Every structure is written in structure tokens, then in C-alpha cells.
Amino acid sequence: MKSVLSWILVLSMLLVGIGSAVEAQARTKTQYDEEFSRLDRNSDKRLSEQEYVGKKTGEAKERARRDFKNLDRDENKSLSYKEYKRK
């Protein structure tokens, strides 16, 4: 009986963990949506390097430029939403 209760407890913890992971993914997508929209100043559904880098300076600016180039898979000098959310 004790081992059955232990298994039930373990399974219920796993189910709660799975639910939390799904909820975290949903929040992440919403965060990406909001951030992408905020950065997309001209609302063309693409981010230019200038939009992506923004007002960063120094090392943060250089890191953002490197990140932009790594995310721009099709090398068209802009990021689609799909490319952006890979970050």
C-alpha cells in the first residue's frame, strides 16, 4: 500500500511539472510576440539590424550585432519572427 501511494505521489508531481512546462512555453511565446512587436518600429513584420540593436552601446551593441547575424539564417539582413524567436 505504501509503495502504491508513493507511485501516485510521483505521478501527480510529474503531471504538475508537465502542466507547468506547457504554461511556461505559452508565456514565452507571448513574451516573444510582445518584444518583437515593440522592436519592429515600422511594423513590417521584420526586424532590421538597426531595430534589433536599438540604442545599445559598447560591448552590448557588438554582442547584439553578432546575435543578429547568427539569427539571420537566410542572410537577407532582416529577421522574421521565426528567426527572432530562435534566440
N, C-alpha and C. Protein backbone atom coordinates (compact mmCIF):
# COMPACT_ATOMS: atom_id res chain seq x y z
N MET A 1 0.82 -1.19 0.00
CA MET A 1 0.00 0.00 0.00
C MET A 1 0.87 1.27 0.00
N LYS A 2 1.95 1.22 0.79
CA LYS A 2 2.84 2.37 0.89
C LYS A 2 3.50 2.66 -0.46
N SER A 3 3.89 1.62 -1.20
CA SER A 3 4.53 1.83 -2.50
C SER A 3 3.54 2.37 -3.53
N VAL A 4 2.28 1.96 -3.44
CA VAL A 4 1.24 2.48 -4.35
C VAL A 4 1.06 3.98 -4.12
N LEU A 5 1.01 4.39 -2.88
CA LEU A 5 0.87 5.81 -2.56
C LEU A 5 2.09 6.60 -3.04
N SER A 6 3.25 5.99 -2.92
CA SER A 6 4.47 6.66 -3.40
C SER A 6 4.41 6.87 -4.90
N TRP A 7 3.95 5.84 -5.63
CA TRP A 7 3.83 5.96 -7.09
C TRP A 7 2.80 7.01 -7.48
N ILE A 8 1.71 7.06 -6.78
CA ILE A 8 0.68 8.06 -7.06
C ILE A 8 1.24 9.46 -6.84
N LEU A 9 1.99 9.62 -5.77
CA LEU A 9 2.61 10.92 -5.48
C LEU A 9 3.59 11.31 -6.59
N VAL A 10 4.42 10.38 -7.03
CA VAL A 10 5.39 10.64 -8.09
C VAL A 10 4.68 11.01 -9.39
N LEU A 11 3.66 10.26 -9.76
CA LEU A 11 2.92 10.55 -10.99
C LEU A 11 2.23 11.91 -10.93
N SER A 12 1.66 12.24 -9.79
CA SER A 12 0.99 13.54 -9.68
C SER A 12 2.01 14.67 -9.79
N MET A 13 3.19 14.48 -9.25
CA MET A 13 4.24 15.50 -9.36
C MET A 13 4.67 15.66 -10.81
N LEU A 14 4.78 14.56 -11.54
CA LEU A 14 5.14 14.63 -12.95
C LEU A 14 4.09 15.37 -13.76
N LEU A 15 2.83 15.09 -13.50
CA LEU A 15 1.75 15.76 -14.22
C LEU A 15 1.74 17.25 -13.94
N VAL A 16 1.98 17.65 -12.71
CA VAL A 16 2.05 19.07 -12.37
C VAL A 16 3.23 19.71 -13.10
N GLY A 17 4.35 19.00 -13.17
CA GLY A 17 5.53 19.51 -13.87
C GLY A 17 5.28 19.70 -15.35
N ILE A 18 4.60 18.76 -15.97
CA ILE A 18 4.27 18.87 -17.40
C ILE A 18 3.36 20.06 -17.64
N GLY A 19 2.37 20.24 -16.80
CA GLY A 19 1.46 21.39 -16.93
C GLY A 19 2.20 22.71 -16.78
N SER A 20 3.13 22.76 -15.86
CA SER A 20 3.91 23.99 -15.66
C SER A 20 4.79 24.28 -16.87
N ALA A 21 5.36 23.25 -17.48
CA ALA A 21 6.21 23.44 -18.66
C ALA A 21 5.39 23.99 -19.83
N VAL A 22 4.19 23.47 -20.02
CA VAL A 22 3.32 23.95 -21.10
C VAL A 22 2.95 25.41 -20.85
N GLU A 23 2.64 25.73 -19.60
CA GLU A 23 2.29 27.11 -19.25
C GLU A 23 3.48 28.04 -19.49
N ALA A 24 4.68 27.59 -19.15
CA ALA A 24 5.89 28.41 -19.36
C ALA A 24 6.12 28.66 -20.85
N GLN A 25 5.87 27.66 -21.70
CA GLN A 25 6.02 27.84 -23.14
C GLN A 25 5.03 28.87 -23.66
N ALA A 26 3.82 28.85 -23.16
CA ALA A 26 2.80 29.81 -23.61
C ALA A 26 3.21 31.22 -23.22
N ARG A 27 3.72 31.39 -22.01
CA ARG A 27 4.18 32.72 -21.59
C ARG A 27 5.34 33.17 -22.45
N THR A 28 6.24 32.28 -22.78
CA THR A 28 7.40 32.63 -23.58
C THR A 28 6.97 33.11 -24.96
N LYS A 29 6.01 32.43 -25.59
CA LYS A 29 5.53 32.85 -26.90
C LYS A 29 4.93 34.25 -26.81
N THR A 30 4.16 34.51 -25.78
CA THR A 30 3.57 35.83 -25.59
C THR A 30 4.66 36.88 -25.40
N GLN A 31 5.67 36.54 -24.64
CA GLN A 31 6.77 37.48 -24.43
C GLN A 31 7.49 37.77 -25.74
N TYR A 32 7.73 36.72 -26.54
CA TYR A 32 8.37 36.93 -27.85
C TYR A 32 7.49 37.81 -28.74
N ASP A 33 6.20 37.56 -28.75
CA ASP A 33 5.27 38.36 -29.56
C ASP A 33 5.36 39.84 -29.18
N GLU A 34 5.28 40.10 -27.89
CA GLU A 34 5.30 41.49 -27.42
C GLU A 34 6.64 42.17 -27.70
N GLU A 35 7.73 41.45 -27.45
CA GLU A 35 9.05 42.03 -27.68
C GLU A 35 9.29 42.29 -29.16
N PHE A 36 8.90 41.33 -30.01
CA PHE A 36 9.08 41.50 -31.45
C PHE A 36 8.30 42.72 -31.94
N SER A 37 7.06 42.85 -31.50
CA SER A 37 6.21 43.99 -31.90
C SER A 37 6.81 45.30 -31.44
N ARG A 38 7.35 45.32 -30.22
CA ARG A 38 7.95 46.54 -29.68
C ARG A 38 9.19 46.94 -30.49
N LEU A 39 10.00 45.96 -30.88
CA LEU A 39 11.23 46.25 -31.64
C LEU A 39 10.94 46.63 -33.09
N ASP A 40 9.86 46.09 -33.65
CA ASP A 40 9.52 46.31 -35.06
C ASP A 40 8.91 47.70 -35.24
N ARG A 41 9.76 48.71 -35.23
CA ARG A 41 9.31 50.11 -35.24
C ARG A 41 8.45 50.49 -36.44
N ASN A 42 8.75 49.92 -37.61
CA ASN A 42 7.99 50.30 -38.81
C ASN A 42 6.87 49.29 -39.13
N SER A 43 6.64 48.34 -38.26
CA SER A 43 5.55 47.36 -38.37
C SER A 43 5.54 46.59 -39.69
N ASP A 44 6.73 46.25 -40.20
CA ASP A 44 6.79 45.50 -41.45
C ASP A 44 6.94 43.99 -41.22
N LYS A 45 6.79 43.56 -39.97
CA LYS A 45 6.87 42.15 -39.59
C LYS A 45 8.27 41.57 -39.77
N ARG A 46 9.27 42.44 -39.82
CA ARG A 46 10.67 42.03 -39.93
C ARG A 46 11.49 42.99 -39.07
N LEU A 47 12.59 42.50 -38.53
CA LEU A 47 13.48 43.36 -37.76
C LEU A 47 14.75 43.63 -38.55
N SER A 48 15.04 44.89 -38.77
CA SER A 48 16.32 45.26 -39.37
C SER A 48 17.38 45.17 -38.27
N GLU A 49 18.64 45.21 -38.67
CA GLU A 49 19.71 45.20 -37.66
C GLU A 49 19.59 46.42 -36.75
N GLN A 50 19.23 47.56 -37.33
CA GLN A 50 19.08 48.79 -36.55
C GLN A 50 17.97 48.62 -35.50
N GLU A 51 16.85 48.04 -35.91
CA GLU A 51 15.75 47.82 -34.96
C GLU A 51 16.18 46.84 -33.87
N TYR A 52 16.87 45.79 -34.25
CA TYR A 52 17.29 44.75 -33.30
C TYR A 52 18.31 45.29 -32.30
N VAL A 53 19.30 46.02 -32.78
CA VAL A 53 20.35 46.55 -31.92
C VAL A 53 19.83 47.69 -31.05
N GLY A 54 18.98 48.52 -31.62
CA GLY A 54 18.39 49.61 -30.86
C GLY A 54 19.42 50.61 -30.39
N LYS A 55 19.30 51.04 -29.16
CA LYS A 55 20.17 52.08 -28.61
C LYS A 55 21.31 51.52 -27.76
N LYS A 56 21.61 50.24 -27.93
CA LYS A 56 22.70 49.64 -27.16
C LYS A 56 24.02 50.30 -27.53
N THR A 57 24.96 50.28 -26.61
CA THR A 57 26.28 50.85 -26.85
C THR A 57 27.36 49.88 -26.39
N GLY A 58 28.57 50.13 -26.85
CA GLY A 58 29.73 49.37 -26.39
C GLY A 58 29.63 47.88 -26.67
N GLU A 59 29.99 47.09 -25.67
CA GLU A 59 30.02 45.62 -25.81
C GLU A 59 28.61 45.06 -26.07
N ALA A 60 27.61 45.64 -25.45
CA ALA A 60 26.23 45.18 -25.66
C ALA A 60 25.82 45.36 -27.13
N LYS A 61 26.26 46.45 -27.74
CA LYS A 61 25.95 46.71 -29.14
C LYS A 61 26.64 45.70 -30.05
N GLU A 62 27.91 45.41 -29.76
CA GLU A 62 28.65 44.42 -30.55
C GLU A 62 28.05 43.03 -30.41
N ARG A 63 27.65 42.67 -29.19
CA ARG A 63 27.02 41.36 -28.96
C ARG A 63 25.70 41.26 -29.71
N ALA A 64 24.91 42.35 -29.70
CA ALA A 64 23.62 42.36 -30.41
C ALA A 64 23.84 42.21 -31.91
N ARG A 65 24.88 42.86 -32.44
CA ARG A 65 25.18 42.72 -33.87
C ARG A 65 25.56 41.29 -34.23
N ARG A 66 26.38 40.67 -33.38
CA ARG A 66 26.76 39.25 -33.60
C ARG A 66 25.53 38.36 -33.53
N ASP A 67 24.69 38.59 -32.53
CA ASP A 67 23.47 37.79 -32.38
C ASP A 67 22.58 37.93 -33.61
N PHE A 68 22.44 39.16 -34.09
CA PHE A 68 21.61 39.41 -35.28
C PHE A 68 22.12 38.58 -36.46
N LYS A 69 23.42 38.63 -36.70
CA LYS A 69 23.98 37.88 -37.82
C LYS A 69 23.79 36.38 -37.66
N ASN A 70 23.90 35.88 -36.44
CA ASN A 70 23.68 34.45 -36.19
C ASN A 70 22.22 34.05 -36.37
N LEU A 71 21.30 34.93 -36.00
CA LEU A 71 19.88 34.63 -36.13
C LEU A 71 19.38 34.75 -37.57
N ASP A 72 20.03 35.59 -38.36
CA ASP A 72 19.60 35.85 -39.76
C ASP A 72 20.02 34.68 -40.65
N ARG A 73 19.27 33.58 -40.55
CA ARG A 73 19.62 32.34 -41.25
C ARG A 73 19.62 32.48 -42.77
N ASP A 74 18.68 33.24 -43.31
CA ASP A 74 18.61 33.37 -44.78
C ASP A 74 19.46 34.53 -45.30
N GLU A 75 20.18 35.19 -44.39
CA GLU A 75 21.13 36.25 -44.73
C GLU A 75 20.53 37.36 -45.60
N ASN A 76 19.28 37.72 -45.30
CA ASN A 76 18.63 38.80 -46.05
C ASN A 76 18.67 40.13 -45.29
N LYS A 77 19.48 40.18 -44.25
CA LYS A 77 19.70 41.39 -43.46
C LYS A 77 18.45 41.86 -42.70
N SER A 78 17.55 40.93 -42.42
CA SER A 78 16.41 41.20 -41.56
C SER A 78 16.00 39.90 -40.88
N LEU A 79 15.33 40.04 -39.76
CA LEU A 79 14.87 38.86 -39.02
C LEU A 79 13.36 38.74 -39.13
N SER A 80 12.92 37.58 -39.56
CA SER A 80 11.49 37.26 -39.49
C SER A 80 11.17 36.91 -38.04
N TYR A 81 9.91 36.80 -37.72
CA TYR A 81 9.53 36.39 -36.37
C TYR A 81 10.10 35.02 -36.06
N LYS A 82 10.04 34.12 -37.03
CA LYS A 82 10.54 32.76 -36.84
C LYS A 82 12.04 32.77 -36.51
N GLU A 83 12.80 33.57 -37.24
CA GLU A 83 14.23 33.67 -36.95
C GLU A 83 14.46 34.29 -35.58
N TYR A 84 13.70 35.32 -35.27
CA TYR A 84 13.85 36.04 -34.00
C TYR A 84 13.61 35.15 -32.80
N LYS A 85 12.58 34.35 -32.86
CA LYS A 85 12.24 33.55 -31.67
C LYS A 85 13.20 32.39 -31.44
N ARG A 86 14.16 32.19 -32.32
CA ARG A 86 15.21 31.19 -32.10
C ARG A 86 16.20 31.64 -31.03
N LYS A 87 16.20 32.91 -30.70
CA LYS A 87 17.21 33.43 -29.78
C LYS A 87 17.13 32.86 -28.38
